[in-house]
């Protein structure tokens, strides 16, 4: 029964992200070309909107149930609207699955084997670190007290102020929302279901980057994907992103290392290869803004990454007007950084009302 619930919630959340992805493409007037890219874009777009919705509620000490019913009401509307406005895209993308699978040839076999082994490893791994305690404790205390950040996740003691370091990294609140609404133990969502989803999106990103590098040749991309994943299997140490990918998949830092940074690389490749500049810029902004809500570490890493990828492109292509776009992208994390510094100095405190 537990496996059935986990599988259903896994699929349900993927359908949710897919709906957001289709609606995003509708708004930016882009025809969705693949299920995987639509899923990935929808995931990032969803969490950008989730952060925008949840931060004001957290700062004003609203109940978790307020966020739960607001978010799921909006998501229900988004799903229905995407079914109506994007019904042709739903149909076309679903019908394209058999032909897409056949286009891989025999390479589809090792591709699925590697993904299965990867997902199985993530599913079976048990991490009992201090961070693991935080991500489960945070969700648990919020669900069982119907609050957001009002209790210390390690001790359960009531707090007088919100945690200034993690207040904007509201990713755990999403797990709390799912746990509260579906009445499942926070451990299942935070440490089982969500890691499977996050690891799948990492696989999607690897594959999308491969398609760009090998100019759409799927069999070459399949081999590239298997080699990259094999490299991850044998290179996870405390100093690499593979550690977060395999053993700490549930953390916000894992999303930063294995989705946000590769996502920026994907957008930079689109820009440098002149494939889809308009889409890559929109997606890059979504990545930048959503990163604020995954991990506080993004306040430094994302602006550095944006500077490394965007500034050389702007200079090479002499696109001086895009300096404003660059500043717009780094602004969210810059603001978070300033607020964090003010909090550490005791100048700005977030009192619980």
Protein backbone atom coordinates (compact mmCIF):
# COMPACT_ATOMS: atom_id res chain seq x y z
CA UNK A 1 0.00 0.00 0.00
CA UNK A 2 2.85 2.39 0.84
CA UNK A 3 4.48 1.77 -2.53
CA UNK A 4 1.19 2.49 -4.30
CA UNK A 5 0.74 5.80 -2.45
CA UNK A 6 4.33 6.80 -3.21
CA UNK A 7 3.92 5.92 -6.89
CA UNK A 8 0.63 7.83 -7.17
CA UNK A 9 2.00 10.97 -5.52
CA UNK A 10 5.15 10.73 -7.66
CA UNK A 11 3.04 10.67 -10.85
CA UNK A 12 0.64 13.31 -9.57
CA UNK A 13 3.41 15.80 -8.93
CA UNK A 14 4.92 15.16 -12.36
CA UNK A 15 1.52 15.86 -13.94
CA UNK A 16 1.38 19.08 -11.90
CA UNK A 17 4.78 20.24 -13.16
CA UNK A 18 3.86 19.23 -16.72
CA UNK A 19 0.72 21.40 -16.53
CA UNK A 20 2.74 24.39 -15.39
CA UNK A 21 5.25 23.75 -18.18
CA UNK A 22 2.58 23.69 -20.89
CA UNK A 23 1.03 26.88 -19.56
CA UNK A 24 4.46 28.56 -19.42
CA UNK A 25 5.08 27.69 -23.08
CA UNK A 26 1.63 29.02 -23.91
CA UNK A 27 2.41 32.35 -22.25
CA UNK A 28 5.79 32.77 -23.96
CA UNK A 29 4.37 31.66 -27.33
CA UNK A 30 6.61 28.63 -27.69
CA UNK A 31 5.48 25.26 -28.99
CA UNK A 32 6.50 22.47 -26.56
CA UNK A 33 8.77 20.06 -28.42
CA UNK A 34 9.29 17.35 -25.82
CA UNK A 35 7.75 16.01 -22.64
CA UNK A 36 11.05 16.17 -20.76
CA UNK A 37 11.78 19.83 -21.51
CA UNK A 38 8.17 20.73 -20.68
CA UNK A 39 8.47 18.90 -17.34
CA UNK A 40 11.74 20.61 -16.48
CA UNK A 41 10.50 24.08 -17.40
CA UNK A 42 7.27 23.50 -15.49
CA UNK A 43 9.17 22.39 -12.38
CA UNK A 44 11.27 25.56 -12.33
CA UNK A 45 8.32 27.78 -13.18
CA UNK A 46 6.22 26.18 -10.44
CA UNK A 47 8.81 26.76 -7.73
CA UNK A 48 9.34 30.34 -8.84
CA UNK A 49 5.62 30.97 -8.34
CA UNK A 50 5.60 28.88 -5.15
CA UNK A 51 8.30 31.09 -3.62
CA UNK A 52 6.49 34.28 -4.61
CA UNK A 53 3.31 32.95 -2.99
CA UNK A 54 4.80 31.45 0.17
CA UNK A 55 7.32 34.11 1.30
CA UNK A 56 4.69 36.77 2.14
CA UNK A 57 2.68 34.15 4.04
CA UNK A 58 5.74 33.05 6.00
CA UNK A 59 6.74 36.62 6.86
CA UNK A 60 3.25 37.43 8.13
CA UNK A 61 3.13 34.23 10.25
CA UNK A 62 0.21 32.65 8.40
CA UNK A 63 -0.79 29.05 9.02
CA UNK A 64 0.60 26.27 6.82
CA UNK A 65 -2.96 25.34 5.87
CA UNK A 66 -3.38 28.78 4.30
CA UNK A 67 -0.46 28.07 1.98
CA UNK A 68 -1.67 24.51 1.37
CA UNK A 69 -5.15 25.44 0.21
CA UNK A 70 -3.97 28.53 -1.69
CA UNK A 71 -1.30 26.62 -3.59
CA UNK A 72 -3.41 23.59 -4.40
CA UNK A 73 -6.37 25.73 -5.44
CA UNK A 74 -4.16 27.66 -7.83
CA UNK A 75 -2.58 24.43 -9.09
CA UNK A 76 -5.99 22.89 -9.70
CA UNK A 77 -6.97 25.92 -11.78
CA UNK A 78 -3.65 25.76 -13.66
CA UNK A 79 -4.24 22.08 -14.46
CA UNK A 80 -7.73 22.71 -15.80
CA UNK A 81 -6.66 25.77 -17.79
CA UNK A 82 -3.73 23.87 -19.31
CA UNK A 83 -6.09 21.04 -20.29
CA UNK A 84 -8.34 23.53 -22.03
CA UNK A 85 -5.83 25.92 -23.60
CA UNK A 86 -3.12 23.36 -24.33
CA UNK A 87 -5.25 20.31 -25.14
CA UNK A 88 -3.62 19.89 -28.55
CA UNK A 89 -0.16 19.91 -26.98
CA UNK A 90 -1.24 17.34 -24.38
CA UNK A 91 -2.44 15.11 -27.19
CA UNK A 92 0.56 15.65 -29.50
CA UNK A 93 3.18 15.10 -26.80
CA UNK A 94 1.54 11.94 -25.48
CA UNK A 95 1.14 10.55 -28.98
CA UNK A 96 4.81 11.24 -29.73
CA UNK A 97 6.04 8.89 -26.97
CA UNK A 98 6.16 5.64 -29.05
CA UNK A 99 8.04 7.26 -31.96
CA UNK A 100 10.39 9.00 -29.54
CA UNK A 101 11.23 5.69 -27.85
CA UNK A 102 11.84 3.97 -31.22
CA UNK A 103 14.19 6.74 -32.34
CA UNK A 104 16.70 5.70 -29.66
CA UNK A 105 17.14 2.23 -31.11
CA UNK A 106 18.99 -0.31 -28.98
CA UNK A 107 20.46 2.49 -26.86
CA UNK A 108 17.12 2.84 -25.09
CA UNK A 109 18.01 -0.31 -23.12
CA UNK A 110 21.18 0.95 -21.35
CA UNK A 111 19.51 4.35 -20.98
CA UNK A 112 16.63 2.92 -18.96
CA UNK A 113 18.92 0.55 -17.04
CA UNK A 114 21.13 3.42 -15.88
CA UNK A 115 18.12 5.53 -14.90
CA UNK A 116 16.57 2.58 -13.03
CA UNK A 117 19.78 1.86 -11.09
CA UNK A 118 20.16 5.54 -10.27
CA UNK A 119 16.57 5.89 -9.03
CA UNK A 120 16.87 2.63 -7.06
CA UNK A 121 20.04 3.86 -5.34
CA UNK A 122 18.37 7.13 -4.35
CA UNK A 123 15.26 5.26 -3.19
CA UNK A 124 17.18 2.86 -0.94
CA UNK A 125 19.77 5.25 0.50
CA UNK A 126 19.31 6.32 4.11
CA UNK A 127 21.07 9.49 5.30
CA UNK A 128 21.14 10.33 9.01
CA UNK A 129 23.20 13.52 8.90
CA UNK A 130 22.32 16.76 10.67
CA UNK A 131 20.93 18.14 7.41
CA UNK A 132 18.73 15.07 7.07
CA UNK A 133 17.33 15.81 10.53
CA UNK A 134 16.63 19.40 9.51
CA UNK A 135 14.77 18.60 6.30
CA UNK A 136 12.56 16.01 7.99
CA UNK A 137 12.23 17.93 11.28
CA UNK A 138 11.33 21.18 9.53
CA UNK A 139 8.55 19.57 7.51
CA UNK A 140 7.29 17.54 10.49
CA UNK A 141 7.07 20.46 12.93
CA UNK A 142 5.35 22.64 10.34
CA UNK A 143 2.80 19.94 9.47
CA UNK A 144 1.96 18.93 13.03
CA UNK A 145 1.82 22.49 14.39
CA UNK A 146 0.23 24.00 11.24
CA UNK A 147 2.85 26.76 11.22
CA UNK A 148 5.77 27.76 9.00
CA UNK A 149 9.14 28.05 10.72
CA UNK A 150 7.82 28.80 14.22
CA UNK A 151 9.61 25.87 15.87
CA UNK A 152 13.21 24.68 16.00
CA UNK A 153 13.27 21.55 13.78
CA UNK A 154 16.03 19.98 15.90
CA UNK A 155 14.51 20.46 19.36
CA UNK A 156 10.86 21.36 18.81
CA UNK A 157 11.24 24.48 20.95
CA UNK A 158 9.16 27.52 20.01
CA UNK A 159 11.11 30.37 18.35
CA UNK A 160 10.64 34.10 18.82
CA UNK A 161 12.02 34.99 15.38
CA UNK A 162 12.16 33.21 12.04
CA UNK A 163 15.45 31.65 10.92
CA UNK A 164 17.05 34.48 8.95
CA UNK A 165 19.41 32.15 7.12
CA UNK A 166 16.77 29.83 5.71
CA UNK A 167 13.65 31.99 5.65
CA UNK A 168 13.69 32.48 1.88
CA UNK A 169 14.77 28.90 1.10
CA UNK A 170 11.18 27.74 1.44
CA UNK A 171 11.54 24.47 -0.50
CA UNK A 172 10.74 22.39 2.67
CA UNK A 173 7.39 24.15 2.86
CA UNK A 174 6.42 22.49 -0.42
CA UNK A 175 6.99 19.08 1.15
CA UNK A 176 4.94 20.24 4.14
CA UNK A 177 2.09 21.27 1.85
CA UNK A 178 2.00 17.87 0.13
CA UNK A 179 2.27 16.03 3.45
CA UNK A 180 -0.51 18.05 5.05
CA UNK A 181 -2.96 17.86 2.16
CA UNK A 182 -2.56 14.15 1.42
CA UNK A 183 -2.14 13.15 5.10
CA UNK A 184 1.12 11.28 4.52
CA UNK A 185 4.10 11.15 6.86
CA UNK A 186 6.56 13.99 6.04
CA UNK A 187 9.34 11.41 5.80
CA UNK A 188 7.71 9.83 2.75
CA UNK A 189 7.45 13.09 0.82
CA UNK A 190 10.74 14.67 1.95
CA UNK A 191 13.01 11.61 1.84
CA UNK A 192 11.37 9.23 -0.65
CA UNK A 193 9.06 10.85 -3.20
CA UNK A 194 10.77 14.21 -3.74
CA UNK A 195 14.30 12.77 -4.10
CA UNK A 196 12.98 10.49 -6.88
CA UNK A 197 11.50 13.50 -8.65
CA UNK A 198 14.66 15.60 -8.22
CA UNK A 199 16.95 12.83 -9.48
CA UNK A 200 14.70 12.40 -12.53
CA UNK A 201 15.00 16.11 -13.35
CA UNK A 202 18.79 15.84 -13.09
CA UNK A 203 18.64 13.04 -15.67
CA UNK A 204 16.46 15.21 -17.91
CA UNK A 205 18.96 18.06 -17.71
CA UNK A 206 21.90 15.78 -18.55
CA UNK A 207 19.99 14.57 -21.58
CA UNK A 208 18.96 18.05 -22.75
CA UNK A 209 22.57 19.23 -22.52
CA UNK A 210 23.64 16.16 -24.52
CA UNK A 211 21.10 16.91 -27.24
CA UNK A 212 22.61 20.37 -27.63
CA UNK A 213 26.21 19.13 -27.69
CA UNK A 214 25.46 16.36 -30.22
CA UNK A 215 23.08 18.41 -32.37
CA UNK A 216 19.99 16.32 -31.66
CA UNK A 217 21.55 12.91 -32.36
CA UNK A 218 19.75 10.77 -29.81
CA UNK A 219 21.97 7.69 -29.90
CA UNK A 220 25.08 9.79 -29.27
CA UNK A 221 23.22 11.63 -26.55
CA UNK A 222 22.20 8.32 -24.95
CA UNK A 223 25.86 7.28 -24.76
CA UNK A 224 26.82 10.71 -23.38
CA UNK A 225 24.12 10.44 -20.70
CA UNK A 226 25.25 6.95 -19.62
CA UNK A 227 28.88 8.08 -19.40
CA UNK A 228 27.99 11.16 -17.34
CA UNK A 229 25.91 9.10 -14.94
CA UNK A 230 28.67 6.49 -14.74
CA UNK A 231 31.12 9.27 -13.91
CA UNK A 232 28.78 10.40 -11.13
CA UNK A 233 28.55 6.84 -9.78
CA UNK A 234 32.31 6.71 -9.26
CA UNK A 235 33.04 10.28 -8.26
CA UNK A 236 30.83 11.11 -5.33
CA UNK A 237 32.94 12.57 -2.54
CA UNK A 238 32.37 15.46 -0.17
CA UNK A 239 33.87 17.77 -2.81
CA UNK A 240 31.56 16.93 -5.75
CA UNK A 241 27.95 17.50 -6.73
CA UNK A 242 27.54 13.72 -7.00
CA UNK A 243 27.47 13.46 -3.20
CA UNK A 244 24.31 15.55 -3.13
CA UNK A 245 22.96 13.72 -6.17
CA UNK A 246 23.17 10.25 -4.63
CA UNK A 247 23.14 10.64 -0.87
CA UNK A 248 21.58 14.03 -0.10
CA UNK A 249 19.11 14.33 -2.96
CA UNK A 250 16.38 15.75 -0.69
CA UNK A 251 18.35 18.92 0.18
CA UNK A 252 18.04 22.37 -1.32
CA UNK A 253 21.79 22.35 -1.95
CA UNK A 254 21.32 19.23 -4.08
CA UNK A 255 18.82 21.10 -6.26
CA UNK A 256 21.32 23.95 -6.54
CA UNK A 257 24.17 21.62 -7.51
CA UNK A 258 22.30 19.24 -9.81
CA UNK A 259 19.42 21.23 -11.29
CA UNK A 260 20.05 24.98 -10.96
CA UNK A 261 23.71 24.98 -12.07
CA UNK A 262 23.24 22.45 -14.93
CA UNK A 263 20.11 24.42 -15.87
CA UNK A 264 22.20 27.57 -16.21
CA UNK A 265 24.74 25.63 -18.29
CA UNK A 266 21.91 24.48 -20.56
CA UNK A 267 20.74 28.08 -21.05
CA UNK A 268 24.30 29.29 -21.69
CA UNK A 269 24.73 26.62 -24.38
CA UNK A 270 21.51 27.78 -26.03
CA UNK A 271 22.86 31.33 -26.04
CA UNK A 272 26.32 30.45 -27.33
CA UNK A 273 24.96 28.08 -30.01
CA UNK A 274 22.33 30.69 -30.96
CA UNK A 275 19.63 28.03 -30.78
CA UNK A 276 16.77 29.79 -29.01
CA UNK A 277 17.97 33.02 -27.44
CA UNK A 278 14.54 34.31 -26.41
CA UNK A 279 13.56 31.08 -24.65
CA UNK A 280 16.96 30.66 -23.00
CA UNK A 281 16.80 34.15 -21.50
CA UNK A 282 13.30 33.59 -20.12
CA UNK A 283 14.29 30.22 -18.66
CA UNK A 284 17.48 31.68 -17.23
CA UNK A 285 15.53 34.32 -15.34
CA UNK A 286 13.13 31.68 -14.01
CA UNK A 287 16.11 29.59 -12.87
CA UNK A 288 17.69 32.61 -11.17
CA UNK A 289 14.54 33.60 -9.30
CA UNK A 290 13.54 30.05 -8.33
CA UNK A 291 17.05 29.34 -7.00
CA UNK A 292 16.39 31.80 -4.14
CA UNK A 293 13.69 29.49 -2.84
CA UNK A 294 15.72 26.26 -2.95
CA UNK A 295 18.88 27.04 -1.02
CA UNK A 296 20.47 30.00 0.74
CA UNK A 297 23.77 28.97 -0.88
CA UNK A 298 22.42 30.27 -4.19
CA UNK A 299 22.90 33.87 -3.02
CA UNK A 300 26.58 33.63 -4.01
CA UNK A 301 26.82 30.69 -6.41
CA UNK A 302 24.09 31.74 -8.84
CA UNK A 303 25.35 35.33 -9.41
CA UNK A 304 28.88 33.95 -9.95
CA UNK A 305 27.53 31.39 -12.42
CA UNK A 306 25.50 34.02 -14.24
CA UNK A 307 28.56 36.27 -14.46
CA UNK A 308 30.71 33.44 -15.84
CA UNK A 309 28.18 32.50 -18.51
CA UNK A 310 26.44 35.73 -19.46
CA UNK A 311 29.14 38.41 -19.38
CA UNK A 312 31.51 36.70 -21.89
CA UNK A 313 28.52 36.10 -24.21
CA UNK A 314 27.44 39.75 -23.95
CA UNK A 315 30.97 40.96 -24.72
CA UNK A 316 31.54 38.51 -27.60
CA UNK A 317 28.20 39.19 -29.26
CA UNK A 318 28.33 42.92 -28.38
CA UNK A 319 24.82 42.71 -26.94
CA UNK A 320 25.29 45.63 -24.56
CA UNK A 321 21.56 46.02 -23.91
CA UNK A 322 21.58 42.56 -22.31
CA UNK A 323 23.64 43.94 -19.42
CA UNK A 324 20.27 45.04 -18.01
CA UNK A 325 19.06 41.46 -18.37
CA UNK A 326 22.18 40.24 -16.55
CA UNK A 327 21.55 42.70 -13.70
CA UNK A 328 17.91 41.61 -13.56
CA UNK A 329 18.96 37.97 -13.22
CA UNK A 330 21.44 38.55 -10.39
CA UNK A 331 19.17 40.98 -8.54
CA UNK A 332 17.00 38.41 -6.65
CA UNK A 333 19.98 36.62 -5.12
CA UNK A 334 21.75 39.94 -4.45
CA UNK A 335 18.72 41.14 -2.48
CA UNK A 336 18.63 37.85 -0.52
CA UNK A 337 22.34 38.27 0.25
CA UNK A 338 21.84 41.81 1.57
CA UNK A 339 18.90 40.72 3.72
CA UNK A 340 20.96 37.83 5.09
CA UNK A 341 23.83 40.14 6.06
CA UNK A 342 21.42 42.53 7.78
CA UNK A 343 19.98 39.60 9.70
CA UNK A 344 23.39 38.31 10.84
CA UNK A 345 24.21 41.78 12.19
CA UNK A 346 20.94 41.91 14.11
CA UNK A 347 19.70 44.88 12.08
CA UNK A 348 16.81 43.01 10.48
CA UNK A 349 14.90 40.37 12.45
CA UNK A 350 11.76 38.53 11.37
CA UNK A 351 9.55 38.41 14.45
CA UNK A 352 6.89 35.72 14.72
CA UNK A 353 3.54 37.40 15.12
